[in-house]
């Protein structure tokens, strides 16, 4: 398990990412699984709390965990709240001042980071999947839905499924993209799945029943499931019973299932 940093041309700041290399990477190229973390997180949360490394080793998967936003850009207001600015890039390409120069997490995850990883590590660029948690679950879903065929599989823990309808989403999308709600729809999984061109995307979602943000109406998985059902896009939604909340204890409990889900497609 390593952590690297470099200067990102896309985000115009120094960025860190975690990368786990399985034993198989010593002798050949391996598929890559990208993990996107949630609000307030850095690259550290997943690599220290999720306990994914054993399953990744068994299945021969490289796992990349980037940071969740640009850092230290000296933008006025970037440190003012926990759900906007630093640690809250929302995986969009901002169009509004003063965010549009640096806050380009969508393009960073889609293009720049995979190019860097493929150039410097023993990856198979044709075999790539994506998953994430909360804001990162939103990121994983929109990246998979906006780029058919790019990712072999997608999964999420407690994702923000319909950001144009929840307070987190309205704050972030309004701040980064402006007041035109039609522009927000380009980064909303529930909206995107309605025009997804085919059904060749097997989606796995785990949601804790005692998740405080589920009951607060921030995640809205029912809206996404309804849209998937209407479009006949396969989605397995597992509501995990009492005691499972929004934390990494929940993620660590079910992470092996998600690694196995992706290995099925990446090693096929």
Protein backbone atom coordinates (compact mmCIF):
# COMPACT_ATOMS: atom_id res chain seq x y z
CA UNK A 1 0.00 0.00 0.00
CA UNK A 2 1.56 3.25 -1.13
CA UNK A 3 0.67 6.94 -1.13
CA UNK A 4 2.05 9.23 -3.82
CA UNK A 5 1.73 12.90 -4.63
CA UNK A 6 2.30 14.94 -7.77
CA UNK A 7 1.30 18.24 -9.33
CA UNK A 8 -2.05 17.89 -11.13
CA UNK A 9 -2.31 19.90 -14.33
CA UNK A 10 -6.11 19.49 -14.26
CA UNK A 11 -6.59 20.75 -10.70
CA UNK A 12 -3.56 23.07 -10.64
CA UNK A 13 -2.40 21.91 -7.21
CA UNK A 14 -0.51 19.08 -5.54
CA UNK A 15 -2.64 15.94 -5.21
CA UNK A 16 -2.20 12.73 -3.25
CA UNK A 17 -3.53 9.29 -4.08
CA UNK A 18 -3.30 5.91 -2.43
CA UNK A 19 -2.52 2.83 -4.53
CA UNK A 20 -2.54 -0.80 -3.46
CA UNK A 21 -0.51 -3.23 -5.59
CA UNK A 22 -1.38 -6.93 -5.17
CA UNK A 23 1.31 -9.66 -5.31
CA UNK A 24 0.25 -10.40 -8.92
CA UNK A 25 1.47 -6.92 -9.94
CA UNK A 26 5.06 -8.11 -9.42
CA UNK A 27 4.80 -10.48 -12.38
CA UNK A 28 2.19 -9.01 -14.72
CA UNK A 29 -0.42 -6.38 -15.48
CA UNK A 30 -3.49 -6.19 -13.25
CA UNK A 31 -6.97 -4.65 -13.55
CA UNK A 32 -7.58 -1.38 -11.68
CA UNK A 33 -10.39 -0.54 -9.29
CA UNK A 34 -10.92 3.15 -8.43
CA UNK A 35 -12.43 4.10 -5.07
CA UNK A 36 -14.03 7.52 -4.55
CA UNK A 37 -14.45 8.69 -0.95
CA UNK A 38 -17.11 10.91 0.58
CA UNK A 39 -17.41 14.34 2.13
CA UNK A 40 -14.53 15.48 4.39
CA UNK A 41 -12.36 12.49 3.39
CA UNK A 42 -8.81 12.32 2.04
CA UNK A 43 -7.09 9.36 0.39
CA UNK A 44 -6.41 8.02 3.88
CA UNK A 45 -9.94 7.09 5.00
CA UNK A 46 -10.38 4.15 2.67
CA UNK A 47 -6.86 2.78 2.81
CA UNK A 48 -6.74 2.78 6.63
CA UNK A 49 -10.36 1.92 7.56
CA UNK A 50 -11.94 -0.28 4.88
CA UNK A 51 -9.79 -3.41 5.14
CA UNK A 52 -9.97 -4.09 1.40
CA UNK A 53 -6.35 -5.11 0.85
CA UNK A 54 -6.71 -8.84 1.58
CA UNK A 55 -9.56 -9.30 -0.90
CA UNK A 56 -7.75 -7.16 -3.49
CA UNK A 57 -4.66 -9.36 -3.07
CA UNK A 58 -6.70 -12.55 -3.52
CA UNK A 59 -8.35 -11.27 -6.70
CA UNK A 60 -5.25 -9.57 -8.11
CA UNK A 61 -6.69 -6.06 -8.25
CA UNK A 62 -4.82 -2.75 -8.11
CA UNK A 63 -6.91 -0.33 -6.02
CA UNK A 64 -6.51 3.45 -6.40
CA UNK A 65 -7.96 5.85 -3.81
CA UNK A 66 -7.62 9.53 -4.76
CA UNK A 67 -8.36 12.56 -2.62
CA UNK A 68 -11.86 14.09 -2.75
CA UNK A 69 -11.01 17.65 -3.79
CA UNK A 70 -8.19 20.04 -4.65
CA UNK A 71 -6.33 21.30 -1.58
CA UNK A 72 -4.60 24.52 -0.64
CA UNK A 73 -5.81 26.53 -3.62
CA UNK A 74 -6.32 29.66 -1.50
CA UNK A 75 -9.86 30.16 -2.78
CA UNK A 76 -11.95 32.42 -0.59
CA UNK A 77 -14.51 30.29 1.26
CA UNK A 78 -12.93 26.90 0.52
CA UNK A 79 -12.55 26.10 4.23
CA UNK A 80 -15.84 27.57 5.45
CA UNK A 81 -18.03 24.45 5.48
CA UNK A 82 -17.53 20.69 5.63
CA UNK A 83 -19.91 19.92 2.74
CA UNK A 84 -18.59 22.42 0.17
CA UNK A 85 -15.07 23.38 -0.91
CA UNK A 86 -12.11 21.49 0.57
CA UNK A 87 -12.91 17.79 0.96
CA UNK A 88 -16.12 18.19 -1.02
CA UNK A 89 -15.29 18.33 -4.71
CA UNK A 90 -18.47 16.36 -5.59
CA UNK A 91 -16.76 14.88 -8.68
CA UNK A 92 -17.99 17.63 -11.00
CA UNK A 93 -16.21 20.10 -13.29
CA UNK A 94 -17.09 23.49 -11.81
CA UNK A 95 -18.20 26.23 -14.20
CA UNK A 96 -18.57 29.08 -11.69
CA UNK A 97 -15.99 31.49 -10.29
CA UNK A 98 -13.95 31.11 -8.15
CA UNK A 99 -14.14 27.31 -8.36
CA UNK A 100 -13.83 26.59 -12.07
CA UNK A 101 -10.04 26.83 -12.29
CA UNK A 102 -9.29 24.12 -9.71
CA UNK A 103 -12.47 22.18 -8.96
CA UNK A 104 -12.43 19.80 -11.92
CA UNK A 105 -12.66 16.48 -10.11
CA UNK A 106 -14.77 14.84 -12.82
CA UNK A 107 -12.11 15.30 -15.52
CA UNK A 108 -9.38 14.49 -13.00
CA UNK A 109 -10.90 11.09 -12.16
CA UNK A 110 -12.01 10.33 -15.71
CA UNK A 111 -8.88 11.29 -17.63
CA UNK A 112 -5.81 12.62 -15.83
CA UNK A 113 -5.52 10.17 -12.95
CA UNK A 114 -5.98 6.97 -15.03
CA UNK A 115 -3.37 8.21 -17.53
CA UNK A 116 -0.92 8.79 -14.68
CA UNK A 117 -1.65 5.40 -13.08
CA UNK A 118 -1.38 3.53 -16.40
CA UNK A 119 1.93 5.23 -17.22
CA UNK A 120 3.58 4.44 -13.89
CA UNK A 121 2.14 1.16 -12.61
CA UNK A 122 1.60 -2.36 -14.06
CA UNK A 123 -2.04 -1.88 -15.04
CA UNK A 124 -4.23 -3.31 -17.76
CA UNK A 125 -5.87 -0.10 -19.08
CA UNK A 126 -8.68 -2.11 -20.72
CA UNK A 127 -9.86 -3.47 -17.37
CA UNK A 128 -11.04 -0.72 -15.05
CA UNK A 129 -13.93 -0.42 -12.58
CA UNK A 130 -15.12 2.14 -10.05
CA UNK A 131 -16.86 2.29 -6.67
CA UNK A 132 -17.29 4.70 -3.79
CA UNK A 133 -19.10 5.86 -0.65
CA UNK A 134 -21.66 8.64 -0.14
CA UNK A 135 -20.47 11.62 -2.26
CA UNK A 136 -17.99 9.14 -3.77
CA UNK A 137 -20.81 6.69 -4.49
CA UNK A 138 -22.46 9.53 -6.40
CA UNK A 139 -19.15 10.06 -8.21
CA UNK A 140 -18.80 6.39 -9.12
CA UNK A 141 -22.35 6.15 -10.45
CA UNK A 142 -22.16 9.29 -12.59
CA UNK A 143 -18.75 8.37 -14.04
CA UNK A 144 -20.02 4.93 -15.03
CA UNK A 145 -23.30 6.28 -16.43
CA UNK A 146 -21.71 9.19 -18.34
CA UNK A 147 -19.07 6.95 -19.95
CA UNK A 148 -20.72 3.72 -21.19
CA UNK A 149 -18.16 0.95 -21.62
CA UNK A 150 -15.32 2.77 -19.84
CA UNK A 151 -15.80 0.89 -16.57
CA UNK A 152 -16.43 -2.86 -16.44
CA UNK A 153 -18.54 -2.55 -13.29
CA UNK A 154 -19.73 -0.08 -10.66
CA UNK A 155 -20.81 -0.29 -7.05
CA UNK A 156 -21.52 2.05 -4.16
CA UNK A 157 -22.01 2.26 -0.43
CA UNK A 158 -24.79 4.65 0.65
CA UNK A 159 -24.46 6.83 -2.48
CA UNK A 160 -26.02 10.26 -2.95
CA UNK A 161 -28.33 9.01 -5.70
CA UNK A 162 -30.36 12.08 -6.63
CA UNK A 163 -28.34 15.20 -5.71
CA UNK A 164 -30.64 17.66 -7.48
CA UNK A 165 -33.29 16.71 -4.90
CA UNK A 166 -31.24 16.81 -1.67
CA UNK A 167 -29.66 19.59 0.40
CA UNK A 168 -26.06 18.39 -0.03
CA UNK A 169 -26.52 18.28 -3.79
CA UNK A 170 -28.32 21.60 -4.07
CA UNK A 171 -25.57 23.35 -2.11
CA UNK A 172 -22.68 21.75 -4.02
CA UNK A 173 -24.15 21.78 -7.52
CA UNK A 174 -25.49 25.30 -7.10
CA UNK A 175 -22.10 26.53 -5.90
CA UNK A 176 -20.00 24.78 -8.53
CA UNK A 177 -22.37 24.89 -11.52
CA UNK A 178 -24.57 27.94 -10.96
CA UNK A 179 -28.33 28.33 -10.59
CA UNK A 180 -29.42 26.58 -13.82
CA UNK A 181 -30.78 23.25 -12.53
CA UNK A 182 -30.67 21.71 -16.02
CA UNK A 183 -26.85 21.81 -15.76
CA UNK A 184 -27.02 19.89 -12.48
CA UNK A 185 -28.79 16.98 -14.18
CA UNK A 186 -25.56 16.08 -16.02
CA UNK A 187 -24.15 15.01 -12.63
CA UNK A 188 -27.21 13.27 -11.17
CA UNK A 189 -27.27 9.45 -11.35
CA UNK A 190 -31.06 9.27 -11.24
CA UNK A 191 -31.32 11.63 -14.20
CA UNK A 192 -28.43 10.02 -16.12
CA UNK A 193 -29.77 6.47 -15.90
CA UNK A 194 -32.97 7.60 -17.65
CA UNK A 195 -30.97 8.10 -20.85
CA UNK A 196 -28.36 5.36 -20.35
CA UNK A 197 -28.02 3.70 -23.76
CA UNK A 198 -28.04 0.01 -22.77
CA UNK A 199 -28.40 -2.40 -19.86
CA UNK A 200 -24.79 -3.68 -19.82
CA UNK A 201 -23.95 -2.26 -16.42
CA UNK A 202 -24.43 -4.41 -13.34
CA UNK A 203 -24.83 -2.04 -10.39
CA UNK A 204 -24.41 -3.11 -6.74
CA UNK A 205 -25.50 -0.77 -3.93
CA UNK A 206 -25.28 -1.41 -0.19
CA UNK A 207 -27.21 0.86 2.16
CA UNK A 208 -27.33 0.73 5.96
CA UNK A 209 -30.82 0.82 7.44
CA UNK A 210 -29.71 3.01 10.37
CA UNK A 211 -27.91 5.55 8.17
CA UNK A 212 -28.77 8.99 9.54
CA UNK A 213 -28.39 10.53 6.10
CA UNK A 214 -30.84 8.06 4.57
CA UNK A 215 -33.54 9.10 7.03
CA UNK A 216 -32.61 12.77 6.50
CA UNK A 217 -33.38 12.48 2.77
CA UNK A 218 -29.82 13.13 1.55
CA UNK A 219 -29.30 9.81 -0.30
CA UNK A 220 -32.67 9.02 -2.01
CA UNK A 221 -31.86 5.52 -3.32
CA UNK A 222 -35.52 4.77 -4.04
CA UNK A 223 -35.53 7.40 -6.79
CA UNK A 224 -32.51 5.81 -8.45
CA UNK A 225 -33.89 2.27 -8.20
CA UNK A 226 -37.17 3.39 -9.77
CA UNK A 227 -35.29 4.99 -12.68
CA UNK A 228 -33.14 1.86 -13.16
CA UNK A 229 -36.22 -0.37 -13.12
CA UNK A 230 -37.92 1.79 -15.73
CA UNK A 231 -34.86 1.63 -18.01
CA UNK A 232 -34.23 -2.09 -17.28
CA UNK A 233 -30.71 -1.31 -16.03
CA UNK A 234 -29.76 -4.11 -13.58
CA UNK A 235 -29.27 -2.91 -10.01
CA UNK A 236 -28.88 -5.00 -6.86
CA UNK A 237 -29.87 -2.88 -3.87
CA UNK A 238 -29.15 -4.39 -0.45
CA UNK A 239 -30.66 -2.66 2.58
CA UNK A 240 -28.48 -3.91 5.42
CA UNK A 241 -30.32 -4.29 8.67
CA UNK A 242 -30.33 -2.53 12.03
CA UNK A 243 -27.03 -1.18 13.31
CA UNK A 244 -25.47 -0.35 9.95
CA UNK A 245 -25.03 3.39 9.52
CA UNK A 246 -22.97 5.70 7.26
CA UNK A 247 -19.60 4.76 8.76
CA UNK A 248 -16.56 2.77 7.67
CA UNK A 249 -17.64 -0.05 10.04
CA UNK A 250 -20.48 -0.57 7.55
CA UNK A 251 -18.08 -0.40 4.59
CA UNK A 252 -15.56 -2.78 6.18
CA UNK A 253 -18.33 -5.33 6.81
CA UNK A 254 -19.33 -5.61 3.15
CA UNK A 255 -16.18 -4.54 1.28
CA UNK A 256 -15.27 -8.12 0.31
CA UNK A 257 -18.62 -8.50 -1.48
CA UNK A 258 -17.85 -5.41 -3.54
CA UNK A 259 -14.31 -6.52 -4.39
CA UNK A 260 -15.76 -9.87 -5.49
CA UNK A 261 -18.44 -8.08 -7.57
CA UNK A 262 -15.78 -6.14 -9.46
CA UNK A 263 -13.38 -9.09 -9.79
CA UNK A 264 -16.14 -10.99 -11.60
CA UNK A 265 -16.05 -8.41 -14.41
CA UNK A 266 -12.41 -7.35 -14.27
CA UNK A 267 -11.00 -10.87 -14.41
CA UNK A 268 -13.54 -12.19 -16.90
